[in-house]
């Protein structure tokens, strides 16, 4: 009788050891694709921004632009009209997931055309190399599944006294716009 009981116990243990991996495999092949499908259809909400969210939050109209700055895997949009004048010209790159946005942000940080001025996990300030008679500074922001790019062009070439006054006034206005835009982007999109 004891031997029969041991055989039954061993049979149960063997069955459980076989069934658990089979159940895990089935869940991977059935549940994971199903969850991905539900996220894609919007039934399961992922913590991310859509184009409509960005337009609503920024009170702006965005127009699609071609891929720019080696930001692949995203759709790019530029602010054409906004209740916030300082956002006009700002670009938003929307990715399908925050993981893809993070990878693209890391790639931008390693871009050989940049001299990185400041950088942390969600901000990057870099100067574009090889520009004559101007300095171009790019300000990148990583928020959920989007990269935000604000580019500032400052004149710094040799000019006459009259042109120098005009250039200085332009640089002052651009610097002020950039400061206001940075503050607004941080308030609206950065958590």
N, C-alpha and C. Protein backbone atom coordinates (compact mmCIF):
# COMPACT_ATOMS: atom_id res chain seq x y z
N UNK A 1 0.81 -1.19 0.00
CA UNK A 1 0.00 0.00 0.00
C UNK A 1 0.86 1.26 0.00
N UNK A 2 1.95 1.23 0.80
CA UNK A 2 2.83 2.40 0.87
C UNK A 2 3.52 2.64 -0.46
N UNK A 3 3.85 1.51 -1.13
CA UNK A 3 4.53 1.68 -2.41
C UNK A 3 3.58 2.31 -3.44
N UNK A 4 2.33 1.93 -3.42
CA UNK A 4 1.34 2.49 -4.34
C UNK A 4 1.16 3.98 -4.07
N UNK A 5 1.15 4.36 -2.80
CA UNK A 5 1.00 5.76 -2.42
C UNK A 5 2.21 6.57 -2.91
N UNK A 6 3.42 6.01 -2.81
CA UNK A 6 4.62 6.69 -3.30
C UNK A 6 4.56 6.86 -4.82
N UNK A 7 4.07 5.87 -5.52
CA UNK A 7 3.95 5.96 -6.98
C UNK A 7 2.96 7.04 -7.38
N UNK A 8 1.85 7.13 -6.66
CA UNK A 8 0.86 8.17 -6.94
C UNK A 8 1.46 9.54 -6.66
N UNK A 9 2.18 9.70 -5.57
CA UNK A 9 2.82 10.98 -5.23
C UNK A 9 3.84 11.37 -6.28
N UNK A 10 4.63 10.40 -6.71
CA UNK A 10 5.62 10.69 -7.75
C UNK A 10 4.94 11.06 -9.06
N UNK A 11 3.85 10.40 -9.37
CA UNK A 11 3.08 10.71 -10.59
C UNK A 11 2.52 12.12 -10.55
N UNK A 12 2.01 12.52 -9.41
CA UNK A 12 1.47 13.88 -9.25
C UNK A 12 2.59 14.90 -9.40
N UNK A 13 3.71 14.65 -8.77
CA UNK A 13 4.85 15.59 -8.84
C UNK A 13 5.35 15.70 -10.27
N UNK A 14 5.50 14.61 -10.96
CA UNK A 14 5.96 14.61 -12.35
C UNK A 14 4.97 15.37 -13.23
N UNK A 15 3.69 15.14 -13.02
CA UNK A 15 2.65 15.84 -13.79
C UNK A 15 2.74 17.35 -13.57
N UNK A 16 2.91 17.75 -12.33
CA UNK A 16 3.00 19.19 -12.01
C UNK A 16 4.26 19.79 -12.64
N UNK A 17 5.37 19.07 -12.54
CA UNK A 17 6.63 19.57 -13.12
C UNK A 17 6.51 19.72 -14.63
N UNK A 18 5.76 18.87 -15.27
CA UNK A 18 5.57 18.96 -16.73
C UNK A 18 4.55 20.04 -17.08
N UNK A 19 3.47 20.12 -16.31
CA UNK A 19 2.40 21.06 -16.63
C UNK A 19 2.78 22.53 -16.42
N UNK A 20 3.56 22.82 -15.41
CA UNK A 20 3.92 24.22 -15.13
C UNK A 20 4.68 24.85 -16.30
N UNK A 21 5.74 24.24 -16.84
CA UNK A 21 6.40 24.85 -18.00
C UNK A 21 5.50 24.97 -19.22
N UNK A 22 4.63 23.96 -19.42
CA UNK A 22 3.70 24.03 -20.55
C UNK A 22 2.76 25.21 -20.38
N UNK A 23 2.25 25.42 -19.18
CA UNK A 23 1.36 26.56 -18.91
C UNK A 23 2.08 27.88 -19.11
N UNK A 24 3.33 27.96 -18.67
CA UNK A 24 4.11 29.18 -18.85
C UNK A 24 4.32 29.48 -20.33
N UNK A 25 4.66 28.46 -21.10
CA UNK A 25 4.85 28.64 -22.54
C UNK A 25 3.57 29.09 -23.22
N UNK A 26 2.47 28.46 -22.86
CA UNK A 26 1.19 28.86 -23.43
C UNK A 26 0.85 30.31 -23.10
N UNK A 27 1.11 30.70 -21.86
CA UNK A 27 0.80 32.08 -21.48
C UNK A 27 1.67 33.06 -22.26
N UNK A 28 2.92 32.71 -22.50
CA UNK A 28 3.80 33.60 -23.26
C UNK A 28 3.30 33.74 -24.69
N UNK A 29 2.90 32.62 -25.30
CA UNK A 29 2.48 32.65 -26.70
C UNK A 29 1.06 33.15 -26.90
N UNK A 30 0.26 33.15 -25.86
CA UNK A 30 -1.13 33.60 -26.00
C UNK A 30 -1.32 34.97 -25.35
N UNK A 31 -0.91 35.14 -24.10
CA UNK A 31 -1.18 36.37 -23.37
C UNK A 31 -0.35 37.56 -23.87
N UNK A 32 0.93 37.36 -24.11
CA UNK A 32 1.78 38.48 -24.52
C UNK A 32 1.30 39.10 -25.84
N UNK A 33 1.05 38.31 -26.89
CA UNK A 33 0.53 38.93 -28.12
C UNK A 33 -0.85 39.57 -27.92
N UNK A 34 -1.66 38.99 -27.07
CA UNK A 34 -3.00 39.54 -26.82
C UNK A 34 -2.89 40.90 -26.11
N UNK A 35 -2.01 41.00 -25.14
CA UNK A 35 -1.80 42.28 -24.44
C UNK A 35 -1.26 43.32 -25.41
N UNK A 36 -0.31 42.94 -26.25
CA UNK A 36 0.23 43.88 -27.25
C UNK A 36 -0.87 44.36 -28.19
N UNK A 37 -1.73 43.46 -28.61
CA UNK A 37 -2.85 43.81 -29.49
C UNK A 37 -3.80 44.79 -28.80
N UNK A 38 -4.13 44.52 -27.55
CA UNK A 38 -5.03 45.40 -26.81
C UNK A 38 -4.42 46.78 -26.58
N UNK A 39 -3.11 46.85 -26.37
CA UNK A 39 -2.44 48.15 -26.23
C UNK A 39 -2.49 48.91 -27.55
N UNK A 40 -2.24 48.19 -28.64
CA UNK A 40 -2.24 48.82 -29.96
C UNK A 40 -3.61 49.40 -30.30
N UNK A 41 -4.66 48.69 -29.93
CA UNK A 41 -6.03 49.15 -30.19
C UNK A 41 -6.50 50.21 -29.20
N UNK A 42 -5.70 50.46 -28.16
CA UNK A 42 -6.05 51.48 -27.20
C UNK A 42 -6.97 51.01 -26.10
N UNK A 43 -7.25 49.71 -26.05
CA UNK A 43 -8.12 49.17 -25.01
C UNK A 43 -7.38 49.18 -23.67
N UNK A 44 -6.10 48.81 -23.70
CA UNK A 44 -5.25 48.94 -22.52
C UNK A 44 -4.42 50.19 -22.72
N UNK A 45 -4.57 51.13 -21.84
CA UNK A 45 -3.87 52.41 -21.97
C UNK A 45 -2.45 52.31 -21.43
N UNK A 46 -1.51 52.71 -22.27
CA UNK A 46 -0.12 52.80 -21.84
C UNK A 46 0.13 54.25 -21.44
N UNK A 47 1.03 54.45 -20.54
CA UNK A 47 1.36 55.79 -20.07
C UNK A 47 2.19 56.49 -21.16
N UNK A 48 1.50 57.09 -22.15
CA UNK A 48 2.19 57.72 -23.27
C UNK A 48 1.36 58.85 -23.86
N UNK A 49 2.03 59.66 -24.69
CA UNK A 49 1.37 60.78 -25.36
C UNK A 49 0.97 60.39 -26.77
N UNK A 50 -0.18 60.87 -27.21
CA UNK A 50 -0.58 60.76 -28.61
C UNK A 50 -0.47 62.15 -29.23
N UNK A 51 -0.61 62.23 -30.54
CA UNK A 51 -0.57 63.52 -31.22
C UNK A 51 -1.66 64.44 -30.67
N UNK A 52 -2.84 63.90 -30.46
CA UNK A 52 -3.94 64.71 -29.92
C UNK A 52 -3.63 65.22 -28.51
N UNK A 53 -3.00 64.38 -27.71
CA UNK A 53 -2.61 64.80 -26.36
C UNK A 53 -1.65 65.99 -26.42
N UNK A 54 -0.66 65.89 -27.29
CA UNK A 54 0.35 66.95 -27.41
C UNK A 54 -0.31 68.25 -27.87
N UNK A 55 -1.18 68.15 -28.89
CA UNK A 55 -1.86 69.35 -29.39
C UNK A 55 -2.75 69.97 -28.31
N UNK A 56 -3.44 69.13 -27.56
CA UNK A 56 -4.31 69.63 -26.50
C UNK A 56 -3.50 70.28 -25.37
N UNK A 57 -2.48 69.59 -24.92
CA UNK A 57 -1.67 70.09 -23.80
C UNK A 57 -0.95 71.38 -24.16
N UNK A 58 -0.38 71.43 -25.37
CA UNK A 58 0.40 72.60 -25.77
C UNK A 58 -0.44 73.69 -26.42
N UNK A 59 -1.74 73.42 -26.62
CA UNK A 59 -2.63 74.36 -27.29
C UNK A 59 -2.04 74.77 -28.64
N UNK A 60 -1.65 73.75 -29.42
CA UNK A 60 -0.94 73.98 -30.67
C UNK A 60 -1.50 73.12 -31.79
N UNK A 61 -1.17 73.51 -33.01
CA UNK A 61 -1.43 72.70 -34.19
C UNK A 61 -0.08 72.20 -34.68
N UNK A 62 0.03 70.88 -34.86
CA UNK A 62 1.29 70.29 -35.30
C UNK A 62 1.13 69.75 -36.72
N UNK A 63 2.17 69.95 -37.51
CA UNK A 63 2.22 69.41 -38.87
C UNK A 63 3.31 68.37 -38.96
N UNK A 64 3.02 67.28 -39.67
CA UNK A 64 4.00 66.21 -39.81
C UNK A 64 5.20 66.71 -40.63
N UNK A 65 6.39 66.30 -40.21
CA UNK A 65 7.62 66.65 -40.91
C UNK A 65 8.37 65.38 -41.25
N UNK A 66 9.30 65.49 -42.18
CA UNK A 66 10.12 64.34 -42.54
C UNK A 66 11.05 64.00 -41.39
N UNK A 67 11.55 62.77 -41.41
CA UNK A 67 12.50 62.35 -40.38
C UNK A 67 13.68 63.30 -40.39
N UNK A 68 14.16 63.63 -39.22
CA UNK A 68 15.18 64.67 -39.07
C UNK A 68 16.09 64.29 -37.92
N UNK A 69 17.35 64.60 -38.01
CA UNK A 69 18.32 64.35 -36.94
C UNK A 69 18.47 62.87 -36.60
N UNK A 70 18.36 62.03 -37.57
CA UNK A 70 18.54 60.59 -37.35
C UNK A 70 17.63 60.04 -36.26
N UNK A 71 16.46 60.63 -36.11
CA UNK A 71 15.49 60.12 -35.14
C UNK A 71 14.62 59.13 -35.90
N UNK A 72 15.03 57.87 -35.86
CA UNK A 72 14.28 56.86 -36.59
C UNK A 72 13.31 56.15 -35.66
N UNK A 73 12.27 55.61 -36.25
CA UNK A 73 11.28 54.90 -35.46
C UNK A 73 10.21 55.79 -34.87
N UNK A 74 10.17 57.04 -35.29
CA UNK A 74 9.20 57.99 -34.74
C UNK A 74 8.55 58.77 -35.87
N UNK A 75 7.41 59.34 -35.55
CA UNK A 75 6.78 60.29 -36.45
C UNK A 75 7.11 61.68 -35.92
N UNK A 76 7.59 62.55 -36.79
CA UNK A 76 7.97 63.89 -36.37
C UNK A 76 6.90 64.91 -36.70
N UNK A 77 6.69 65.84 -35.77
CA UNK A 77 5.70 66.90 -35.94
C UNK A 77 6.31 68.22 -35.47
N UNK A 78 5.98 69.29 -36.18
CA UNK A 78 6.47 70.61 -35.82
C UNK A 78 5.29 71.52 -35.49
N UNK A 79 5.47 72.33 -34.47
CA UNK A 79 4.42 73.28 -34.07
C UNK A 79 4.38 74.40 -35.11
N UNK A 80 3.24 74.54 -35.75
CA UNK A 80 3.05 75.59 -36.76
C UNK A 80 2.22 76.75 -36.22
N UNK A 81 1.30 76.44 -35.33
CA UNK A 81 0.42 77.46 -34.76
C UNK A 81 0.20 77.09 -33.30
N UNK A 82 0.29 78.08 -32.44
CA UNK A 82 0.16 77.78 -31.02
C UNK A 82 -0.32 78.99 -30.24
N UNK A 83 -1.01 78.72 -29.16
CA UNK A 83 -1.39 79.78 -28.23
C UNK A 83 -0.15 80.29 -27.50
N UNK A 84 0.94 79.50 -27.57
CA UNK A 84 2.21 79.87 -26.94
C UNK A 84 3.22 80.14 -28.05
N UNK A 85 3.46 81.40 -28.32
CA UNK A 85 4.34 81.81 -29.42
C UNK A 85 5.73 81.17 -29.32
N UNK A 86 6.22 80.97 -28.11
CA UNK A 86 7.56 80.42 -27.93
C UNK A 86 7.69 78.97 -28.37
N UNK A 87 6.55 78.27 -28.60
CA UNK A 87 6.61 76.88 -29.04
C UNK A 87 6.64 76.73 -30.56
N UNK A 88 6.40 77.78 -31.29
CA UNK A 88 6.39 77.68 -32.75
C UNK A 88 7.78 77.27 -33.23
N UNK A 89 7.80 76.18 -34.02
CA UNK A 89 9.05 75.63 -34.51
C UNK A 89 9.58 74.47 -33.69
N UNK A 90 9.03 74.23 -32.51
CA UNK A 90 9.45 73.11 -31.68
C UNK A 90 8.98 71.82 -32.35
N UNK A 91 9.83 70.80 -32.30
CA UNK A 91 9.49 69.51 -32.91
C UNK A 91 9.20 68.47 -31.84
N UNK A 92 8.23 67.63 -32.15
CA UNK A 92 7.87 66.50 -31.29
C UNK A 92 8.04 65.22 -32.10
N UNK A 93 8.77 64.28 -31.55
CA UNK A 93 8.95 62.98 -32.17
C UNK A 93 8.20 61.96 -31.31
N UNK A 94 7.18 61.35 -31.88
CA UNK A 94 6.32 60.44 -31.14
C UNK A 94 6.71 59.00 -31.46
N UNK A 95 7.02 58.25 -30.43
CA UNK A 95 7.38 56.84 -30.56
C UNK A 95 6.23 55.97 -30.08
N UNK A 96 6.24 54.70 -30.47
CA UNK A 96 5.19 53.77 -30.05
C UNK A 96 5.31 53.40 -28.57
N UNK A 97 6.51 53.53 -28.01
CA UNK A 97 6.69 53.19 -26.60
C UNK A 97 7.75 54.09 -25.98
N UNK A 98 7.73 54.15 -24.67
CA UNK A 98 8.74 54.95 -23.97
C UNK A 98 10.12 54.30 -24.08
N UNK A 99 10.17 52.98 -24.19
CA UNK A 99 11.46 52.30 -24.34
C UNK A 99 12.14 52.70 -25.65
N UNK A 100 11.36 52.80 -26.72
CA UNK A 100 11.93 53.22 -28.02
C UNK A 100 12.38 54.68 -27.95
N UNK A 101 11.64 55.51 -27.26
CA UNK A 101 12.02 56.91 -27.10
C UNK A 101 13.33 57.03 -26.32
N UNK A 102 13.49 56.21 -25.28
CA UNK A 102 14.72 56.23 -24.48
C UNK A 102 15.92 55.82 -25.32
N UNK A 103 15.74 54.78 -26.14
CA UNK A 103 16.84 54.33 -27.00
C UNK A 103 17.24 55.43 -27.99
N UNK A 104 16.24 56.09 -28.57
CA UNK A 104 16.53 57.17 -29.52
C UNK A 104 17.22 58.34 -28.81
N UNK A 105 16.82 58.65 -27.59
CA UNK A 105 17.44 59.72 -26.82
C UNK A 105 18.91 59.41 -26.57
N UNK A 106 19.21 58.17 -26.21
CA UNK A 106 20.61 57.77 -26.00
C UNK A 106 21.41 57.89 -27.28
N UNK A 107 20.77 57.56 -28.40
CA UNK A 107 21.44 57.68 -29.71
C UNK A 107 21.75 59.14 -30.03
N UNK A 108 20.80 60.03 -29.74
CA UNK A 108 21.02 61.46 -29.97
C UNK A 108 22.19 61.95 -29.12
N UNK A 109 22.28 61.49 -27.89
CA UNK A 109 23.38 61.89 -27.00
C UNK A 109 24.75 61.51 -27.58
N UNK A 110 24.79 60.41 -28.32
CA UNK A 110 26.06 59.94 -28.89
C UNK A 110 26.33 60.51 -30.29
N UNK A 111 25.45 61.37 -30.79
CA UNK A 111 25.59 61.91 -32.15
C UNK A 111 26.93 62.63 -32.30
N UNK A 112 27.67 62.27 -33.33
CA UNK A 112 29.00 62.84 -33.55
C UNK A 112 28.96 64.29 -34.03
N UNK A 113 27.81 64.77 -34.46
CA UNK A 113 27.68 66.15 -34.91
C UNK A 113 27.43 67.12 -33.76
N UNK A 114 27.44 66.62 -32.54
CA UNK A 114 27.14 67.44 -31.36
C UNK A 114 28.34 67.57 -30.44
N UNK A 115 28.42 68.73 -29.82
CA UNK A 115 29.25 68.93 -28.64
C UNK A 115 28.26 69.06 -27.48
N UNK A 116 28.20 68.07 -26.63
CA UNK A 116 27.24 68.05 -25.53
C UNK A 116 27.66 69.09 -24.49
N UNK A 117 26.74 70.00 -24.16
CA UNK A 117 27.00 71.03 -23.16
C UNK A 117 26.49 70.59 -21.78
N UNK A 118 25.27 70.05 -21.73
CA UNK A 118 24.68 69.55 -20.50
C UNK A 118 23.84 68.33 -20.84
N UNK A 119 23.77 67.41 -19.87
CA UNK A 119 22.99 66.20 -20.14
C UNK A 119 22.59 65.54 -18.83
N UNK A 120 21.38 65.02 -18.79
CA UNK A 120 20.94 64.16 -17.70
C UNK A 120 20.00 63.11 -18.30
N UNK A 121 19.21 62.45 -17.49
CA UNK A 121 18.37 61.36 -17.99
C UNK A 121 17.28 61.81 -18.95
N UNK A 122 16.81 63.04 -18.83
CA UNK A 122 15.69 63.49 -19.66
C UNK A 122 15.94 64.81 -20.40
N UNK A 123 17.10 65.41 -20.23
CA UNK A 123 17.43 66.67 -20.90
C UNK A 123 18.79 66.55 -21.58
N UNK A 124 18.92 67.24 -22.70
CA UNK A 124 20.20 67.31 -23.40
C UNK A 124 20.32 68.67 -24.04
N UNK A 125 21.42 69.34 -23.78
CA UNK A 125 21.74 70.59 -24.45
C UNK A 125 23.04 70.36 -25.20
N UNK A 126 23.00 70.58 -26.51
CA UNK A 126 24.18 70.31 -27.33
C UNK A 126 24.31 71.34 -28.44
N UNK A 127 25.55 71.66 -28.76
CA UNK A 127 25.83 72.60 -29.83
C UNK A 127 26.19 71.81 -31.09
N UNK A 128 25.63 72.24 -32.21
CA UNK A 128 25.88 71.57 -33.47
C UNK A 128 27.26 71.98 -33.96
N UNK A 129 28.06 70.99 -34.35
CA UNK A 129 29.43 71.24 -34.83
C UNK A 129 29.43 71.69 -36.28
N UNK A 130 30.46 72.44 -36.64
CA UNK A 130 30.73 72.76 -38.03
C UNK A 130 29.86 73.84 -38.64
N UNK A 131 29.30 74.73 -37.84
CA UNK A 131 28.46 75.80 -38.38
C UNK A 131 29.27 77.10 -38.36
N UNK A 132 29.33 77.78 -39.50
CA UNK A 132 30.07 79.05 -39.59
C UNK A 132 29.13 80.22 -39.37
N UNK A 133 29.61 81.28 -38.78
CA UNK A 133 28.90 82.55 -38.59
C UNK A 133 27.63 82.42 -37.76
N UNK A 134 27.48 81.34 -37.03
CA UNK A 134 26.33 81.16 -36.15
C UNK A 134 26.65 80.04 -35.18
N UNK A 135 25.86 79.97 -34.16
CA UNK A 135 25.94 78.79 -33.30
C UNK A 135 24.53 78.25 -33.16
N UNK A 136 24.41 76.96 -33.35
CA UNK A 136 23.11 76.30 -33.26
C UNK A 136 23.15 75.41 -32.03
N UNK A 137 22.21 75.65 -31.15
CA UNK A 137 22.11 74.86 -29.93
C UNK A 137 20.79 74.12 -29.93
N UNK A 138 20.86 72.82 -29.71
CA UNK A 138 19.66 71.99 -29.67
C UNK A 138 19.36 71.62 -28.22
N UNK A 139 18.10 71.74 -27.87
CA UNK A 139 17.61 71.39 -26.54
C UNK A 139 16.64 70.23 -26.71
N UNK A 140 17.02 69.08 -26.18
CA UNK A 140 16.23 67.86 -26.29
C UNK A 140 15.61 67.54 -24.94
N UNK A 141 14.38 67.04 -24.98
CA UNK A 141 13.66 66.63 -23.79
C UNK A 141 13.08 65.24 -24.05
N UNK A 142 13.16 64.36 -23.07
CA UNK A 142 12.56 63.03 -23.15
C UNK A 142 11.41 62.98 -22.16
N UNK A 143 10.20 62.75 -22.67
CA UNK A 143 9.01 62.67 -21.82
C UNK A 143 8.15 61.50 -22.30
N UNK A 144 8.05 60.48 -21.46
CA UNK A 144 7.29 59.27 -21.78
C UNK A 144 7.75 58.72 -23.13
N UNK A 145 6.87 58.75 -24.14
CA UNK A 145 7.19 58.18 -25.44
C UNK A 145 7.52 59.24 -26.49
N UNK A 146 7.89 60.44 -26.07
CA UNK A 146 8.21 61.49 -27.04
C UNK A 146 9.59 62.11 -26.77
N UNK A 147 10.19 62.56 -27.86
CA UNK A 147 11.37 63.43 -27.78
C UNK A 147 10.92 64.79 -28.28
N UNK A 148 11.33 65.81 -27.57
CA UNK A 148 11.00 67.18 -27.95
C UNK A 148 12.30 67.88 -28.29
N UNK A 149 12.31 68.58 -29.42
CA UNK A 149 13.50 69.30 -29.86
C UNK A 149 13.17 70.77 -30.05
N UNK A 150 13.92 71.61 -29.36
CA UNK A 150 13.84 73.06 -29.58
C UNK A 150 15.23 73.49 -30.02
N UNK A 151 15.29 74.08 -31.18
CA UNK A 151 16.58 74.48 -31.75
C UNK A 151 16.69 76.00 -31.75
N UNK A 152 17.83 76.50 -31.30
CA UNK A 152 18.07 77.94 -31.26
C UNK A 152 19.28 78.26 -32.13
N UNK A 153 19.13 79.27 -32.97
CA UNK A 153 20.22 79.71 -33.83
C UNK A 153 20.62 81.12 -33.38
N UNK A 154 21.89 81.25 -33.02
CA UNK A 154 22.42 82.53 -32.59
C UNK A 154 23.48 82.99 -33.57
N UNK A 155 23.37 84.22 -34.04
CA UNK A 155 24.38 84.78 -34.93
C UNK A 155 25.61 85.16 -34.15
N UNK A 156 26.79 84.80 -34.68
CA UNK A 156 28.02 85.22 -34.01
C UNK A 156 29.17 85.41 -35.00
N UNK A 157 28.79 85.78 -36.20
CA UNK A 157 29.81 86.00 -37.22
C UNK A 157 30.29 87.43 -37.25
N UNK A 158 31.35 87.70 -38.01
CA UNK A 158 31.85 89.07 -38.15
C UNK A 158 30.85 89.92 -38.96
N UNK A 159 30.44 91.04 -38.38
CA UNK A 159 29.46 91.91 -39.03
C UNK A 159 29.85 93.37 -38.79
N UNK A 160 29.21 94.26 -39.53
CA UNK A 160 29.43 95.69 -39.32
C UNK A 160 28.76 96.11 -38.01
N UNK A 161 29.01 97.34 -37.60
CA UNK A 161 28.44 97.84 -36.34
C UNK A 161 26.92 97.82 -36.41
N UNK A 162 26.35 98.28 -37.54
CA UNK A 162 24.88 98.30 -37.68
C UNK A 162 24.32 96.88 -37.65
N UNK A 163 24.97 95.99 -38.39
CA UNK A 163 24.51 94.60 -38.42
C UNK A 163 24.70 93.95 -37.04
N UNK A 164 25.74 94.36 -36.34
CA UNK A 164 26.00 93.82 -35.01
C UNK A 164 24.89 94.16 -34.05
N UNK A 165 24.35 95.37 -34.15
CA UNK A 165 23.22 95.76 -33.29
C UNK A 165 21.99 94.91 -33.59
N UNK A 166 21.74 94.69 -34.89
CA UNK A 166 20.60 93.86 -35.29
C UNK A 166 20.79 92.43 -34.80
N UNK A 167 22.01 91.92 -34.99
CA UNK A 167 22.33 90.55 -34.56
C UNK A 167 22.20 90.41 -33.05
N UNK A 168 22.68 91.39 -32.31
CA UNK A 168 22.60 91.34 -30.85
C UNK A 168 21.14 91.35 -30.39
N UNK A 169 20.32 92.17 -31.03
CA UNK A 169 18.89 92.21 -30.68
C UNK A 169 18.21 90.87 -31.00
N UNK A 170 18.54 90.29 -32.15
CA UNK A 170 17.99 88.99 -32.53
C UNK A 170 18.41 87.92 -31.50
N UNK A 171 19.69 87.90 -31.16
CA UNK A 171 20.20 86.92 -30.20
C UNK A 171 19.51 87.06 -28.83
N UNK A 172 19.27 88.29 -28.43
CA UNK A 172 18.59 88.53 -27.16
C UNK A 172 17.16 87.99 -27.21
N UNK A 173 16.45 88.28 -28.30
CA UNK A 173 15.07 87.78 -28.44
C UNK A 173 15.03 86.26 -28.50
N UNK A 174 15.95 85.67 -29.24
CA UNK A 174 16.00 84.21 -29.37
C UNK A 174 16.31 83.57 -28.02
N UNK A 175 17.23 84.16 -27.27
CA UNK A 175 17.56 83.65 -25.94
C UNK A 175 16.37 83.73 -25.00
N UNK A 176 15.63 84.81 -25.07
CA UNK A 176 14.43 84.98 -24.23
C UNK A 176 13.36 83.96 -24.62
N UNK A 177 13.14 83.78 -25.94
CA UNK A 177 12.16 82.81 -26.41
C UNK A 177 12.52 81.40 -25.94
N UNK A 178 13.80 81.10 -26.05
CA UNK A 178 14.30 79.78 -25.66
C UNK A 178 14.07 79.52 -24.17
N UNK A 179 14.32 80.51 -23.37
CA UNK A 179 14.13 80.39 -21.92
C UNK A 179 12.66 80.15 -21.59
N UNK A 180 11.76 80.91 -22.24
CA UNK A 180 10.32 80.75 -22.01
C UNK A 180 9.84 79.38 -22.51
N UNK A 181 10.34 78.97 -23.68
CA UNK A 181 9.95 77.67 -24.24
C UNK A 181 10.40 76.54 -23.33
N UNK A 182 11.61 76.61 -22.83
CA UNK A 182 12.13 75.58 -21.94
C UNK A 182 11.28 75.46 -20.68
N UNK A 183 10.95 76.58 -20.11
CA UNK A 183 10.12 76.58 -18.90
C UNK A 183 8.75 75.98 -19.19
N UNK A 184 8.16 76.34 -20.33
CA UNK A 184 6.84 75.84 -20.70
C UNK A 184 6.86 74.34 -20.99
N UNK A 185 7.85 73.88 -21.72
CA UNK A 185 7.98 72.45 -22.03
C UNK A 185 8.13 71.65 -20.74
N UNK A 186 8.95 72.14 -19.83
CA UNK A 186 9.12 71.46 -18.54
C UNK A 186 7.82 71.41 -17.74
N UNK A 187 7.05 72.50 -17.77
CA UNK A 187 5.78 72.54 -17.04
C UNK A 187 4.74 71.62 -17.66
N UNK A 188 4.67 71.60 -19.00
CA UNK A 188 3.61 70.86 -19.67
C UNK A 188 3.88 69.37 -19.83
N UNK A 189 5.14 69.00 -20.08
CA UNK A 189 5.41 67.63 -20.48
C UNK A 189 6.33 66.83 -19.54
N UNK A 190 7.13 67.48 -18.77
CA UNK A 190 8.08 66.77 -17.93
C UNK A 190 7.45 66.46 -16.58
N UNK A 191 7.65 65.27 -16.10
CA UNK A 191 7.02 64.87 -14.83
C UNK A 191 7.99 64.90 -13.70
